[in-house]
């Protein structure tokens, strides 16, 4: 299930809310790259890229105000 949120963030450049092992609170991250074992991301506070193993993520969800509806971003820029 976490993989789905990582891909969502990567494909749509959207922040997701995650709980990392060893942290005391949720944080918002934007995934910039990922491979089989690691996730490369930036946080809202630190704009420098960081890396964490996928198994270090304990949970993930949509960031506040995001419902995950990608259809409303699909035709962005088009006018009728």
C-alpha atoms as a PDB file:
ATOM      1  CA  UNK A   1       0.000   0.000   0.000  1.00  0.00           C
ATOM      2  CA  UNK A   2       2.856   2.409   0.714  1.00  0.00           C
ATOM      3  CA  UNK A   3       4.183   1.848  -2.797  1.00  0.00           C
ATOM      4  CA  UNK A   4       0.957   3.294  -4.187  1.00  0.00           C
ATOM      5  CA  UNK A   5       1.445   6.566  -2.296  1.00  0.00           C
ATOM      6  CA  UNK A   6       5.112   6.776  -3.324  1.00  0.00           C
ATOM      7  CA  UNK A   7       4.142   6.399  -6.996  1.00  0.00           C
ATOM      8  CA  UNK A   8       1.327   8.959  -6.631  1.00  0.00           C
ATOM      9  CA  UNK A   9       3.726  11.534  -5.202  1.00  0.00           C
ATOM     10  CA  UNK A  10       6.373  10.818  -7.827  1.00  0.00           C
ATOM     11  CA  UNK A  11       4.034  10.897 -10.851  1.00  0.00           C
ATOM     12  CA  UNK A  12       2.014  13.953  -9.835  1.00  0.00           C
ATOM     13  CA  UNK A  13       4.634  15.923  -7.845  1.00  0.00           C
ATOM     14  CA  UNK A  14       2.264  15.989  -4.884  1.00  0.00           C
ATOM     15  CA  UNK A  15       3.165  15.848  -1.208  1.00  0.00           C
ATOM     16  CA  UNK A  16       2.151  12.829   0.859  1.00  0.00           C
ATOM     17  CA  UNK A  17       1.966  12.460   4.624  1.00  0.00           C
ATOM     18  CA  UNK A  18       4.266   9.795   6.091  1.00  0.00           C
ATOM     19  CA  UNK A  19       5.426   8.440   9.419  1.00  0.00           C
ATOM     20  CA  UNK A  20       9.077   7.420   9.369  1.00  0.00           C
ATOM     21  CA  UNK A  21      10.582   4.929  11.776  1.00  0.00           C
ATOM     22  CA  UNK A  22      12.289   6.743  14.643  1.00  0.00           C
ATOM     23  CA  UNK A  23      10.337   9.988  14.130  1.00  0.00           C
ATOM     24  CA  UNK A  24       7.839  11.348  16.636  1.00  0.00           C
ATOM     25  CA  UNK A  25       5.362  12.868  14.186  1.00  0.00           C
ATOM     26  CA  UNK A  26       4.023  12.758  10.662  1.00  0.00           C
ATOM     27  CA  UNK A  27       5.728  14.829   8.002  1.00  0.00           C
ATOM     28  CA  UNK A  28       4.902  15.831   4.446  1.00  0.00           C
ATOM     29  CA  UNK A  29       7.300  14.666   1.757  1.00  0.00           C
ATOM     30  CA  UNK A  30       7.423  14.837  -2.027  1.00  0.00           C
ATOM     31  CA  UNK A  31       9.028  11.830  -3.706  1.00  0.00           C
ATOM     32  CA  UNK A  32      11.573  12.835  -6.356  1.00  0.00           C
ATOM     33  CA  UNK A  33      12.906   9.356  -7.212  1.00  0.00           C
ATOM     34  CA  UNK A  34      12.736   5.784  -5.997  1.00  0.00           C
ATOM     35  CA  UNK A  35      14.243   2.410  -6.690  1.00  0.00           C
ATOM     36  CA  UNK A  36      13.703  -1.132  -5.411  1.00  0.00           C
ATOM     37  CA  UNK A  37      14.895  -0.406  -1.865  1.00  0.00           C
ATOM     38  CA  UNK A  38      15.013   3.375  -1.344  1.00  0.00           C
ATOM     39  CA  UNK A  39      12.849   6.451  -1.631  1.00  0.00           C
ATOM     40  CA  UNK A  40      14.467   9.800  -2.465  1.00  0.00           C
ATOM     41  CA  UNK A  41      12.401  12.758  -1.295  1.00  0.00           C
ATOM     42  CA  UNK A  42      12.308  16.356  -0.122  1.00  0.00           C
ATOM     43  CA  UNK A  43      10.380  17.639   2.866  1.00  0.00           C
ATOM     44  CA  UNK A  44       8.478  20.876   3.209  1.00  0.00           C
ATOM     45  CA  UNK A  45      11.062  22.170   5.699  1.00  0.00           C
ATOM     46  CA  UNK A  46      14.312  20.926   4.151  1.00  0.00           C
ATOM     47  CA  UNK A  47      14.554  21.331   0.405  1.00  0.00           C
ATOM     48  CA  UNK A  48      17.706  19.191   0.229  1.00  0.00           C
ATOM     49  CA  UNK A  49      17.094  15.676  -1.123  1.00  0.00           C
ATOM     50  CA  UNK A  50      17.003  12.908   1.470  1.00  0.00           C
ATOM     51  CA  UNK A  51      16.938   9.132   1.165  1.00  0.00           C
ATOM     52  CA  UNK A  52      15.256   6.477   3.300  1.00  0.00           C
ATOM     53  CA  UNK A  53      14.742   2.756   2.899  1.00  0.00           C
ATOM     54  CA  UNK A  54      11.188   1.779   1.979  1.00  0.00           C
ATOM     55  CA  UNK A  55      10.884  -0.370   5.079  1.00  0.00           C
ATOM     56  CA  UNK A  56      11.579   2.710   7.271  1.00  0.00           C
ATOM     57  CA  UNK A  57       8.163   4.131   6.337  1.00  0.00           C
ATOM     58  CA  UNK A  58       5.514   2.974   8.793  1.00  0.00           C
ATOM     59  CA  UNK A  59       2.473   4.620   7.185  1.00  0.00           C
ATOM     60  CA  UNK A  60       1.468   6.972   4.383  1.00  0.00           C
ATOM     61  CA  UNK A  61      -1.615   8.915   3.362  1.00  0.00           C
ATOM     62  CA  UNK A  62      -2.631  11.880   1.263  1.00  0.00           C
ATOM     63  CA  UNK A  63      -1.463  15.238   2.565  1.00  0.00           C
ATOM     64  CA  UNK A  64      -3.994  17.570   4.137  1.00  0.00           C
ATOM     65  CA  UNK A  65      -6.381  18.983   1.534  1.00  0.00           C
ATOM     66  CA  UNK A  66      -5.532  16.341  -1.083  1.00  0.00           C
ATOM     67  CA  UNK A  67      -8.147  13.735  -1.925  1.00  0.00           C
ATOM     68  CA  UNK A  68      -6.063  11.835  -4.468  1.00  0.00           C
ATOM     69  CA  UNK A  69      -8.370  12.692  -7.383  1.00  0.00           C
ATOM     70  CA  UNK A  70      -5.941  12.898 -10.291  1.00  0.00           C
ATOM     71  CA  UNK A  71      -8.655  13.576 -12.886  1.00  0.00           C
ATOM     72  CA  UNK A  72      -8.984  17.192 -11.816  1.00  0.00           C
ATOM     73  CA  UNK A  73      -5.284  17.742 -12.639  1.00  0.00           C
ATOM     74  CA  UNK A  74      -5.388  15.838 -15.921  1.00  0.00           C
ATOM     75  CA  UNK A  75      -6.800  18.680 -18.042  1.00  0.00           C
ATOM     76  CA  UNK A  76      -5.053  21.479 -16.214  1.00  0.00           C
ATOM     77  CA  UNK A  77      -4.335  24.345 -18.539  1.00  0.00           C
ATOM     78  CA  UNK A  78      -7.136  23.528 -20.979  1.00  0.00           C
ATOM     79  CA  UNK A  79      -9.934  26.026 -21.472  1.00  0.00           C
ATOM     80  CA  UNK A  80     -13.372  25.440 -22.893  1.00  0.00           C
END
